[in-house]
Amino acid sequence: MTLVNLGEVAYILERTSDTGADDEVWANLGAESRPGGVPVRWIDVHDTLVRRAAAIEARGGMSYTNAFAAATASVLDCAVPTGGPE
């Protein structure tokens, strides 16, 4: 996960949930130790990742944050678990 995608999570929660939900999720995902939780691997945002995300978004049909998740998965050669329609 990148901070770009965590920002999208915070945005969605801020828009749709009770006050403070985004802070709680931000703190949970950012915690070094998450007992009982799924580990989160943080990926640094770098030029290659940003340019790949821009190229994916330029093809259309995907938001920039989803393109960023797809670019991250492409760089890491892994799947993207998502519940979104894109």
N, C-alpha and C. Protein backbone atom coordinates (compact mmCIF):
# COMPACT_ATOMS: atom_id res chain seq x y z
N MET A 1 0.85 -1.17 0.00
CA MET A 1 0.00 0.00 0.00
C MET A 1 0.90 1.23 0.00
N THR A 2 0.45 2.28 -0.67
CA THR A 2 1.19 3.55 -0.66
C THR A 2 0.38 4.60 0.10
N LEU A 3 1.03 5.68 0.45
CA LEU A 3 0.32 6.77 1.11
C LEU A 3 -0.76 7.38 0.22
N VAL A 4 -0.56 7.30 -1.09
CA VAL A 4 -1.59 7.79 -2.02
C VAL A 4 -2.88 7.01 -1.81
N ASN A 5 -2.77 5.69 -1.70
CA ASN A 5 -3.96 4.86 -1.52
C ASN A 5 -4.54 4.98 -0.11
N LEU A 6 -3.68 5.16 0.89
CA LEU A 6 -4.19 5.41 2.24
C LEU A 6 -4.96 6.73 2.28
N GLY A 7 -4.48 7.71 1.54
CA GLY A 7 -5.20 8.98 1.43
C GLY A 7 -6.58 8.79 0.85
N GLU A 8 -6.72 7.91 -0.13
CA GLU A 8 -8.04 7.62 -0.72
C GLU A 8 -8.96 6.97 0.30
N VAL A 9 -8.41 6.05 1.09
CA VAL A 9 -9.21 5.42 2.15
C VAL A 9 -9.69 6.49 3.13
N ALA A 10 -8.79 7.38 3.53
CA ALA A 10 -9.16 8.45 4.47
C ALA A 10 -10.23 9.36 3.86
N TYR A 11 -10.09 9.67 2.58
CA TYR A 11 -11.07 10.52 1.89
C TYR A 11 -12.46 9.87 1.90
N ILE A 12 -12.51 8.59 1.56
CA ILE A 12 -13.80 7.89 1.52
C ILE A 12 -14.43 7.86 2.91
N LEU A 13 -13.64 7.56 3.93
CA LEU A 13 -14.17 7.51 5.30
C LEU A 13 -14.61 8.89 5.77
N GLU A 14 -13.85 9.90 5.44
CA GLU A 14 -14.21 11.28 5.83
C GLU A 14 -15.55 11.67 5.22
N ARG A 15 -15.76 11.23 4.00
CA ARG A 15 -16.97 11.59 3.26
C ARG A 15 -18.18 10.78 3.71
N THR A 16 -17.96 9.54 4.15
CA THR A 16 -19.09 8.65 4.36
C THR A 16 -19.31 8.19 5.80
N SER A 17 -18.38 8.45 6.70
CA SER A 17 -18.47 7.88 8.04
C SER A 17 -18.53 8.95 9.12
N ASP A 18 -18.71 8.46 10.33
CA ASP A 18 -18.71 9.35 11.48
C ASP A 18 -17.35 10.02 11.64
N THR A 19 -17.36 11.16 12.29
CA THR A 19 -16.14 11.88 12.56
C THR A 19 -15.16 11.00 13.31
N GLY A 20 -13.93 11.00 12.86
CA GLY A 20 -12.89 10.25 13.54
C GLY A 20 -12.60 8.88 12.96
N ALA A 21 -13.50 8.35 12.11
CA ALA A 21 -13.28 7.03 11.54
C ALA A 21 -12.01 7.01 10.69
N ASP A 22 -11.79 8.09 9.93
CA ASP A 22 -10.59 8.13 9.10
C ASP A 22 -9.32 8.17 9.95
N ASP A 23 -9.37 8.88 11.08
CA ASP A 23 -8.21 8.92 11.98
C ASP A 23 -7.91 7.55 12.56
N GLU A 24 -8.97 6.83 12.92
CA GLU A 24 -8.81 5.50 13.50
C GLU A 24 -8.19 4.53 12.50
N VAL A 25 -8.69 4.54 11.27
CA VAL A 25 -8.17 3.64 10.23
C VAL A 25 -6.74 4.04 9.88
N TRP A 26 -6.47 5.34 9.77
CA TRP A 26 -5.13 5.83 9.45
C TRP A 26 -4.14 5.32 10.51
N ALA A 27 -4.50 5.45 11.78
CA ALA A 27 -3.63 5.01 12.87
C ALA A 27 -3.45 3.50 12.84
N ASN A 28 -4.53 2.77 12.58
CA ASN A 28 -4.46 1.31 12.54
C ASN A 28 -3.55 0.84 11.41
N LEU A 29 -3.76 1.35 10.21
CA LEU A 29 -2.95 0.91 9.08
C LEU A 29 -1.51 1.37 9.18
N GLY A 30 -1.29 2.51 9.83
CA GLY A 30 0.06 3.03 9.97
C GLY A 30 0.85 2.43 11.12
N ALA A 31 0.18 1.66 11.97
CA ALA A 31 0.85 1.09 13.14
C ALA A 31 1.89 0.05 12.71
N GLU A 32 3.02 0.07 13.40
CA GLU A 32 4.08 -0.90 13.10
C GLU A 32 3.63 -2.32 13.43
N SER A 33 2.88 -2.47 14.51
CA SER A 33 2.40 -3.78 14.93
C SER A 33 0.89 -3.76 14.94
N ARG A 34 0.30 -4.73 14.29
CA ARG A 34 -1.15 -4.82 14.23
C ARG A 34 -1.57 -6.20 14.69
N PRO A 35 -1.54 -6.45 16.01
CA PRO A 35 -1.89 -7.79 16.51
C PRO A 35 -3.25 -8.25 15.99
N GLY A 36 -3.26 -9.43 15.41
CA GLY A 36 -4.51 -9.97 14.89
C GLY A 36 -4.92 -9.41 13.54
N GLY A 37 -4.19 -8.43 13.04
CA GLY A 37 -4.54 -7.82 11.77
C GLY A 37 -3.65 -8.30 10.64
N VAL A 38 -4.06 -7.99 9.44
CA VAL A 38 -3.27 -8.33 8.26
C VAL A 38 -2.10 -7.36 8.16
N PRO A 39 -0.88 -7.87 7.97
CA PRO A 39 0.25 -6.95 7.85
C PRO A 39 0.13 -6.09 6.59
N VAL A 40 0.55 -4.86 6.69
CA VAL A 40 0.52 -3.94 5.56
C VAL A 40 1.96 -3.65 5.16
N ARG A 41 2.25 -3.85 3.89
CA ARG A 41 3.58 -3.52 3.37
C ARG A 41 3.50 -2.14 2.72
N TRP A 42 4.27 -1.20 3.24
CA TRP A 42 4.25 0.17 2.73
C TRP A 42 5.28 0.31 1.62
N ILE A 43 4.85 0.82 0.50
CA ILE A 43 5.69 1.00 -0.67
C ILE A 43 5.97 2.49 -0.85
N ASP A 44 7.25 2.82 -0.97
CA ASP A 44 7.63 4.21 -1.20
C ASP A 44 7.12 4.68 -2.55
N VAL A 45 6.67 5.91 -2.59
CA VAL A 45 6.23 6.53 -3.84
C VAL A 45 7.48 7.09 -4.53
N HIS A 46 7.75 6.61 -5.74
CA HIS A 46 8.93 7.06 -6.47
C HIS A 46 8.54 7.34 -7.93
N ASP A 47 9.46 7.93 -8.68
CA ASP A 47 9.19 8.36 -10.05
C ASP A 47 8.61 7.26 -10.93
N THR A 48 9.19 6.07 -10.88
CA THR A 48 8.72 4.98 -11.73
C THR A 48 7.27 4.65 -11.43
N LEU A 49 6.92 4.61 -10.16
CA LEU A 49 5.56 4.30 -9.76
C LEU A 49 4.58 5.39 -10.21
N VAL A 50 4.95 6.63 -10.02
CA VAL A 50 4.09 7.75 -10.42
C VAL A 50 3.88 7.76 -11.92
N ARG A 51 4.93 7.54 -12.68
CA ARG A 51 4.79 7.55 -14.15
C ARG A 51 3.97 6.36 -14.64
N ARG A 52 4.14 5.20 -14.01
CA ARG A 52 3.36 4.03 -14.40
C ARG A 52 1.88 4.26 -14.09
N ALA A 53 1.58 4.84 -12.94
CA ALA A 53 0.19 5.16 -12.58
C ALA A 53 -0.41 6.15 -13.58
N ALA A 54 0.36 7.14 -13.97
CA ALA A 54 -0.12 8.13 -14.94
C ALA A 54 -0.42 7.47 -16.28
N ALA A 55 0.42 6.53 -16.70
CA ALA A 55 0.21 5.83 -17.98
C ALA A 55 -1.05 4.97 -17.91
N ILE A 56 -1.26 4.31 -16.79
CA ILE A 56 -2.46 3.48 -16.62
C ILE A 56 -3.71 4.36 -16.64
N GLU A 57 -3.67 5.46 -15.92
CA GLU A 57 -4.84 6.36 -15.90
C GLU A 57 -5.11 6.95 -17.27
N ALA A 58 -4.05 7.24 -18.02
CA ALA A 58 -4.21 7.85 -19.34
C ALA A 58 -4.96 6.94 -20.30
N ARG A 59 -4.90 5.62 -20.07
CA ARG A 59 -5.63 4.67 -20.91
C ARG A 59 -7.13 4.73 -20.64
N GLY A 60 -7.51 5.35 -19.51
CA GLY A 60 -8.92 5.55 -19.21
C GLY A 60 -9.55 4.43 -18.41
N GLY A 61 -10.73 4.75 -17.84
CA GLY A 61 -11.52 3.76 -17.14
C GLY A 61 -11.14 3.51 -15.70
N MET A 62 -10.21 4.32 -15.17
CA MET A 62 -9.74 4.08 -13.81
C MET A 62 -9.35 5.41 -13.17
N SER A 63 -9.69 5.57 -11.90
CA SER A 63 -9.28 6.77 -11.18
C SER A 63 -7.78 6.74 -10.95
N TYR A 64 -7.20 7.89 -10.62
CA TYR A 64 -5.76 7.95 -10.39
C TYR A 64 -5.35 7.08 -9.22
N THR A 65 -6.13 7.08 -8.14
CA THR A 65 -5.74 6.26 -7.00
C THR A 65 -5.81 4.77 -7.33
N ASN A 66 -6.81 4.36 -8.11
CA ASN A 66 -6.86 2.97 -8.53
C ASN A 66 -5.73 2.65 -9.51
N ALA A 67 -5.41 3.60 -10.36
CA ALA A 67 -4.26 3.42 -11.26
C ALA A 67 -2.98 3.28 -10.45
N PHE A 68 -2.90 4.02 -9.35
CA PHE A 68 -1.73 3.94 -8.48
C PHE A 68 -1.63 2.56 -7.85
N ALA A 69 -2.75 2.02 -7.41
CA ALA A 69 -2.76 0.66 -6.84
C ALA A 69 -2.37 -0.36 -7.91
N ALA A 70 -2.87 -0.19 -9.13
CA ALA A 70 -2.53 -1.10 -10.22
C ALA A 70 -1.04 -0.99 -10.57
N ALA A 71 -0.52 0.22 -10.59
CA ALA A 71 0.90 0.42 -10.87
C ALA A 71 1.77 -0.23 -9.80
N THR A 72 1.36 -0.09 -8.55
CA THR A 72 2.10 -0.70 -7.45
C THR A 72 2.10 -2.22 -7.61
N ALA A 73 0.95 -2.79 -7.92
CA ALA A 73 0.86 -4.23 -8.13
C ALA A 73 1.72 -4.66 -9.32
N SER A 74 1.76 -3.85 -10.35
CA SER A 74 2.56 -4.16 -11.52
C SER A 74 4.05 -4.17 -11.17
N VAL A 75 4.49 -3.19 -10.42
CA VAL A 75 5.89 -3.11 -10.02
C VAL A 75 6.27 -4.29 -9.12
N LEU A 76 5.33 -4.69 -8.25
CA LEU A 76 5.60 -5.78 -7.31
C LEU A 76 5.23 -7.16 -7.87
N ASP A 77 4.61 -7.18 -9.06
CA ASP A 77 4.15 -8.42 -9.69
C ASP A 77 3.22 -9.20 -8.75
N CYS A 78 2.15 -8.51 -8.32
CA CYS A 78 1.18 -9.14 -7.43
C CYS A 78 -0.24 -8.70 -7.79
N ALA A 79 -1.21 -9.33 -7.18
CA ALA A 79 -2.62 -9.01 -7.42
C ALA A 79 -3.04 -7.82 -6.57
N VAL A 80 -4.15 -7.19 -6.95
CA VAL A 80 -4.72 -6.09 -6.19
C VAL A 80 -6.07 -6.53 -5.64
N PRO A 81 -6.16 -6.75 -4.31
CA PRO A 81 -7.48 -7.07 -3.75
C PRO A 81 -8.29 -5.78 -3.64
N THR A 82 -9.47 -5.78 -4.22
CA THR A 82 -10.29 -4.56 -4.20
C THR A 82 -11.77 -4.92 -4.23
N GLY A 83 -12.56 -4.05 -3.69
CA GLY A 83 -13.99 -4.22 -3.75
C GLY A 83 -14.62 -3.23 -4.69
N GLY A 84 -13.79 -2.40 -5.33
CA GLY A 84 -14.28 -1.35 -6.20
C GLY A 84 -14.62 -1.86 -7.59
N PRO A 85 -15.49 -1.13 -8.30
CA PRO A 85 -15.90 -1.54 -9.63
C PRO A 85 -14.82 -1.36 -10.70
N GLU A 86 -13.82 -0.51 -10.42
CA GLU A 86 -12.78 -0.27 -11.42
C GLU A 86 -11.78 -1.39 -11.41
